[in-house]
Protein backbone atom coordinates (compact mmCIF):
# COMPACT_ATOMS: atom_id res chain seq x y z
CA MET A 1 0.00 0.00 0.00
CA THR A 2 1.37 3.42 -0.95
CA GLU A 3 0.82 6.10 1.65
CA TYR A 4 1.73 9.77 1.51
CA VAL A 5 3.17 11.12 4.75
CA THR A 6 2.59 14.84 5.12
CA LEU A 7 5.35 16.72 6.90
CA GLU A 8 5.73 20.46 7.46
CA HIS A 9 7.08 21.28 4.00
CA GLY A 10 5.86 18.48 1.75
CA GLN A 11 4.79 14.89 1.27
CA LEU A 12 6.83 11.70 1.16
CA ALA A 13 5.61 8.67 -0.79
CA CYS A 14 5.97 5.41 1.17
CA ASP A 15 5.17 1.78 0.48
CA VAL A 16 3.96 0.18 3.70
CA VAL A 17 4.12 -3.61 3.97
CA GLY A 18 4.01 -6.22 6.73
CA ASP A 19 3.51 -6.32 10.48
CA GLY A 20 5.90 -6.18 13.39
CA PRO A 21 8.69 -3.85 14.51
CA LEU A 22 9.17 -0.89 12.21
CA VAL A 23 11.96 -0.78 9.62
CA VAL A 24 12.30 2.33 7.44
CA LEU A 25 14.15 2.05 4.13
CA SER A 26 15.65 5.15 2.53
CA HIS A 27 17.38 5.10 -0.87
CA GLY A 28 20.23 7.25 -2.15
CA MET A 29 20.58 10.09 -4.63
CA GLY A 30 19.23 9.73 -8.15
CA THR A 31 17.14 6.64 -7.51
CA VAL A 32 13.69 5.82 -6.10
CA ARG A 33 12.21 3.62 -3.39
CA GLN A 34 11.98 0.71 -5.86
CA ASP A 35 15.75 0.47 -5.40
CA PHE A 36 14.84 -1.67 -2.35
CA ARG A 37 12.27 -3.76 -4.25
CA HIS A 38 14.08 -7.06 -3.61
CA LEU A 39 14.76 -6.45 0.09
CA VAL A 40 11.20 -5.64 1.20
CA GLY A 41 9.95 -9.22 0.82
CA PRO A 42 12.63 -10.89 2.96
CA LEU A 43 12.17 -8.28 5.70
CA THR A 44 8.40 -8.65 5.84
CA THR A 45 8.68 -12.45 5.75
CA ALA A 46 11.03 -12.19 8.72
CA GLY A 47 8.29 -10.40 10.68
CA TYR A 48 8.98 -6.70 10.20
CA ARG A 49 6.75 -3.82 9.16
CA VAL A 50 8.58 -2.12 6.32
CA VAL A 51 8.12 1.50 5.26
CA ASN A 52 9.98 2.12 2.00
CA VAL A 53 10.33 5.87 1.45
CA ASP A 54 10.96 8.05 -1.59
CA MET A 55 13.50 10.72 -0.62
CA ARG A 56 12.27 14.32 -0.75
CA GLY A 57 12.07 15.46 -4.38
CA HIS A 58 12.54 11.90 -5.68
CA GLY A 59 10.11 9.36 -7.08
CA GLU A 60 6.58 10.27 -6.05
CA SER A 61 7.49 12.56 -3.15
CA SER A 62 6.74 16.25 -3.53
CA LEU A 63 9.14 18.81 -4.98
CA ASP A 64 10.85 22.00 -3.78
CA TRP A 65 11.49 21.36 -0.11
CA PRO A 66 13.36 24.08 1.81
CA SER A 67 16.77 22.94 3.04
CA VAL A 68 18.40 23.51 6.42
CA THR A 69 21.41 24.76 4.44
CA GLY A 70 19.41 27.75 3.24
CA LYS A 71 20.15 27.01 -0.41
CA ALA A 72 18.74 24.80 -3.15
CA ALA A 73 20.17 21.57 -1.82
CA ILE A 74 19.24 18.23 -0.29
CA SER A 75 21.49 17.48 2.66
CA ARG A 76 21.82 14.43 4.85
CA THR A 77 20.38 16.51 7.69
CA ASP A 78 17.32 17.31 5.56
CA VAL A 79 16.72 13.63 4.85
CA ALA A 80 17.34 12.71 8.51
CA GLU A 81 14.63 15.16 9.59
CA ASP A 82 12.28 13.63 7.02
CA LEU A 83 12.98 10.10 8.25
CA LEU A 84 12.32 11.08 11.85
CA GLY A 85 9.01 12.57 10.70
CA VAL A 86 8.15 9.28 8.99
CA ILE A 87 9.01 7.32 12.14
CA ARG A 88 6.80 9.58 14.26
CA HIS A 89 3.97 9.18 11.76
CA PHE A 90 4.09 5.39 11.88
CA GLY A 91 4.53 5.20 15.64
CA GLY A 92 8.20 4.37 16.08
CA PRO A 93 10.79 3.69 17.23
CA ALA A 94 12.29 2.13 14.13
CA VAL A 95 15.38 0.73 12.53
CA ILE A 96 16.61 2.90 9.65
CA VAL A 97 18.21 1.22 6.64
CA GLY A 98 19.86 3.98 4.63
CA HIS A 99 21.70 3.66 1.34
CA SER A 100 24.44 6.02 0.11
CA LEU A 101 23.42 9.60 1.06
CA SER A 102 20.74 8.14 3.35
CA GLY A 103 23.42 6.18 5.20
CA GLY A 104 24.72 9.51 6.44
CA SER A 105 21.14 10.55 7.22
CA ALA A 106 20.68 7.44 9.36
CA THR A 107 23.72 8.50 11.39
CA ILE A 108 22.29 11.97 11.98
CA ALA A 109 18.81 10.65 12.87
CA ALA A 110 20.24 8.17 15.39
CA ALA A 111 22.38 10.85 17.02
CA GLN A 112 19.63 13.45 17.04
CA ALA A 113 16.68 11.37 18.28
CA PRO A 114 17.95 8.19 19.98
CA GLU A 115 14.50 7.55 21.45
CA LEU A 116 13.15 7.09 17.91
CA VAL A 117 15.95 5.04 16.35
CA THR A 118 16.52 1.48 17.56
CA ALA A 119 19.41 0.66 15.24
CA ILE A 120 20.80 1.73 11.89
CA VAL A 121 22.01 -0.11 8.80
CA GLU A 122 24.15 1.85 6.35
CA ILE A 123 24.62 0.39 2.87
CA GLY A 124 27.39 1.84 0.67
CA PRO A 125 27.19 4.96 2.82
CA PHE A 126 28.53 8.42 2.12
CA THR A 127 28.89 9.21 5.82
CA LEU A 128 32.52 10.34 6.07
CA THR A 129 33.78 13.57 4.53
CA GLN A 130 35.36 12.68 1.19
CA THR A 131 38.53 13.80 -0.57
CA LEU A 132 39.41 12.95 -4.14
CA ASN A 133 42.30 10.49 -4.33
CA VAL A 134 44.04 11.74 -7.48
CA ALA A 135 46.71 9.05 -7.43
CA ALA A 136 44.08 6.30 -7.28
CA LEU A 137 42.44 7.69 -10.43
CA PHE A 138 45.53 6.43 -12.26
CA THR A 139 46.01 3.14 -10.41
CA ASN A 140 42.49 1.97 -9.52
CA ARG A 141 40.32 1.35 -12.59
CA ARG A 142 37.14 0.70 -10.59
CA TYR A 143 37.49 3.98 -8.68
CA ARG A 144 38.40 5.91 -11.84
CA ARG A 145 35.45 4.63 -13.85
CA GLY A 146 32.95 5.37 -11.10
CA GLY A 147 34.36 8.78 -10.22
CA VAL A 148 34.66 10.07 -13.77
CA ARG A 149 31.16 8.95 -14.72
CA LEU A 150 29.66 10.42 -11.58
CA ALA A 151 31.45 13.72 -12.14
CA LEU A 152 30.30 13.90 -15.76
CA THR A 153 26.72 13.20 -14.66
CA THR A 154 26.81 16.36 -12.55
CA MET A 155 28.88 18.53 -14.87
CA MET A 156 26.86 17.70 -18.00
CA LYS A 157 23.53 17.15 -16.22
CA SER A 158 23.24 14.02 -18.28
CA PHE A 159 21.12 10.93 -17.68
CA ALA A 160 23.26 9.10 -20.23
CA TRP A 161 26.29 9.54 -17.96
CA TRP A 162 24.23 8.55 -14.91
CA ARG A 163 23.26 5.37 -16.73
CA ARG A 164 26.95 4.73 -17.46
CA TYR A 165 27.75 5.27 -13.78
CA LEU A 166 25.04 2.78 -12.78
CA ASP A 167 26.54 0.26 -15.18
CA VAL A 168 29.76 0.42 -13.13
CA ALA A 169 27.91 0.61 -9.80
CA TYR A 170 26.18 -2.70 -10.66
CA PRO A 171 29.08 -5.06 -11.48
CA THR A 172 26.40 -7.71 -11.95
CA LYS A 173 22.79 -6.88 -12.73
CA PRO A 174 19.57 -8.25 -11.19
CA ALA A 175 17.27 -10.00 -13.66
CA ASP A 176 14.87 -7.04 -13.78
CA TYR A 177 17.60 -4.40 -14.14
CA ASP A 178 16.58 -3.22 -17.62
CA ARG A 179 12.96 -2.76 -16.53
CA TYR A 180 14.02 -0.94 -13.36
CA LEU A 181 16.39 1.33 -15.29
CA ALA A 182 13.67 2.18 -17.83
CA GLY A 183 11.33 3.21 -15.03
CA LEU A 184 14.05 5.29 -13.39
CA GLU A 185 14.84 6.98 -16.70
CA ASN A 186 11.18 7.91 -17.17
CA ILE A 187 11.29 9.71 -13.84
CA LEU A 188 14.68 11.40 -14.21
CA ARG A 189 13.89 12.62 -17.74
CA GLN A 190 11.36 14.93 -16.09
CA PRO A 191 13.24 18.25 -15.71
CA GLU A 192 11.90 18.93 -12.21
CA ARG A 193 12.93 15.48 -10.97
CA TRP A 194 16.39 15.80 -12.48
CA ALA A 195 16.76 19.17 -10.76
CA GLU A 196 15.95 17.54 -7.42
CA PHE A 197 18.57 14.84 -8.07
CA MET A 198 21.15 17.55 -8.75
CA LYS A 199 20.38 19.16 -5.38
CA THR A 200 21.84 16.11 -3.63
CA GLY A 201 25.26 17.02 -4.99
CA GLN A 202 25.19 20.50 -3.45
CA THR A 203 26.12 19.29 0.04
CA THR A 204 28.81 17.04 1.54
CA PRO A 205 28.74 14.31 4.21
CA ALA A 206 30.34 16.70 6.73
CA ASP A 207 27.11 16.95 8.75
CA ALA A 208 26.93 13.15 9.09
CA HIS A 209 30.65 12.79 9.82
CA ALA A 210 30.27 15.26 12.68
CA ARG A 211 27.58 13.15 14.39
CA LEU A 212 29.23 9.72 14.27
CA ALA A 213 30.64 10.06 17.78
CA ASP A 214 27.11 10.72 19.07
CA VAL A 215 25.64 7.44 17.81
CA ARG A 216 24.63 5.18 20.70
CA CYS A 217 22.69 2.45 18.93
CA PRO A 218 23.71 -0.79 17.15
CA THR A 219 25.09 0.07 13.73
CA LEU A 220 25.71 -2.24 10.77
CA VAL A 221 27.73 -0.95 7.81
CA ILE A 222 27.34 -3.04 4.64
CA MET A 223 29.79 -2.45 1.80
CA GLY A 224 30.30 -4.15 -1.54
CA SER A 225 33.82 -5.31 -2.28
CA ALA A 226 33.48 -3.88 -5.81
CA GLU A 227 32.07 -0.53 -4.66
CA PRO A 228 33.27 2.06 -7.22
CA ASP A 229 32.94 5.16 -5.04
CA PHE A 230 35.76 4.39 -2.59
CA VAL A 231 39.37 3.44 -3.23
CA ASP A 232 39.21 0.80 -0.49
CA PRO A 233 35.56 0.00 0.34
CA GLU A 234 36.38 -2.14 3.38
CA ALA A 235 38.65 0.53 4.83
CA GLU A 236 35.88 3.11 4.33
CA ALA A 237 33.40 0.92 6.20
CA ASN A 238 35.87 0.26 9.00
CA ALA A 239 36.59 3.99 9.32
CA ILE A 240 32.88 4.67 9.87
CA VAL A 241 32.70 2.04 12.59
CA ALA A 242 35.90 3.35 14.17
CA ALA A 243 34.30 6.78 14.51
CA ILE A 244 31.31 5.34 16.40
CA PRO A 245 31.73 4.67 20.14
CA ASP A 246 33.24 1.24 20.85
CA GLY A 247 30.88 -1.70 20.77
CA PHE A 248 28.10 -0.18 18.69
CA GLY A 249 29.27 -0.79 15.13
CA ARG A 250 30.32 -3.62 12.86
CA VAL A 251 31.05 -4.17 9.16
CA ALA A 252 29.72 -6.73 6.68
CA MET A 253 31.26 -7.03 3.21
CA VAL A 254 29.38 -8.33 0.16
CA ASP A 255 31.67 -10.04 -2.33
CA ASN A 256 31.40 -8.49 -5.83
CA GLY A 257 28.81 -6.05 -4.55
CA GLY A 258 28.90 -2.61 -6.12
CA HIS A 259 27.16 0.50 -4.85
CA TYR A 260 23.80 -1.33 -4.83
CA PRO A 261 24.45 -4.72 -3.16
CA HIS A 262 20.89 -4.82 -1.81
CA ALA A 263 19.59 -4.86 -5.41
CA GLN A 264 22.35 -7.10 -6.79
CA PHE A 265 22.33 -9.69 -4.01
CA PRO A 266 19.21 -9.16 -1.87
CA ASP A 267 19.39 -12.65 -0.36
CA ARG A 268 22.96 -12.10 0.82
CA VAL A 269 22.17 -8.67 2.21
CA ALA A 270 19.00 -9.91 3.92
CA ALA A 271 21.01 -12.75 5.46
CA VAL A 272 23.15 -10.12 7.18
CA ILE A 273 20.45 -7.59 8.08
CA ILE A 274 17.78 -9.92 9.48
CA PRO A 275 19.95 -11.54 12.19
CA PHE A 276 21.17 -8.04 13.10
CA LEU A 277 17.56 -6.89 13.50
CA ASP A 278 16.58 -10.02 15.41
CA GLN A 279 19.46 -9.41 17.81
CA HIS A 280 18.70 -5.77 18.52
CA VAL A 281 14.90 -5.41 18.27
CA VAL A 282 12.38 -6.63 20.85
CA ARG A 283 9.15 -8.14 19.63
CA GLY A 284 5.89 -8.28 21.52
CA THR A 285 3.15 -6.03 22.86
CA GLY A 286 4.44 -2.73 24.16
CA ALA A 287 8.04 -3.45 23.23
CA GLU A 288 8.15 -3.60 19.45
CA GLY A 289 11.02 -1.66 18.03
CA LYS A 290 12.82 -1.07 21.31
CA ARG A 291 16.55 -1.63 21.54
CA VAL A 292 18.06 -4.58 23.31
CA GLY A 293 21.69 -5.49 23.90
């Protein structure tokens, strides 16, 4: 069932499925909630109520949200505020599963409202402040291909280059990839939707990086070994966990996973996430969604 959650400055489109403790899924820049299409089923089968959200300005969510930055941008803090609004609407607390930009947003939400966030899962997250590794552009083909295509997407405002980036970001493709990509193209070919996508590139992960030390909930960082956005994906994941207080974070690597391991290998990713949820979420009347351990 698709539901539209009305917040102060707009509406967010959400698919709501299942019963049990609340899990909120939030995709990254330039995609839509269907990015999680293969993960929803395993989570609901495992006994969770899943709310799969379109980021502000993306998919079927409304356009032209004001940003906390005061400029035409979509920051991780903006998305974190939206996710907390969604959790309040559905009667949290909740686990947040955030991909890419939304991984940083999950960090901010957990630090800002610990009473609403039971645990967080960050998939291929842009949570740490980034610097371009110029030397690696010459020595690391995976990093070079991803970085150049992503830069040309922004510089040329080109869906064709975004499609080329996605081709690298999916080292292997799910069976329905062509259909999914066609649907995404139909959305991003709309000038107003493309403009919203471009707003995500107007901020950095600095706001998320600054809140890592304030996270006090179980945190799972999932990274693909073939992730094109980082020179050393495992080192990036470990650096995020190292910045969280001891005992709260851990890393899971997905072999041959690119920037979208949850779409490439949903069974593998679910096999990591579900035990993590089962370990840290209480079930039962009056306790659903509360942290344990």
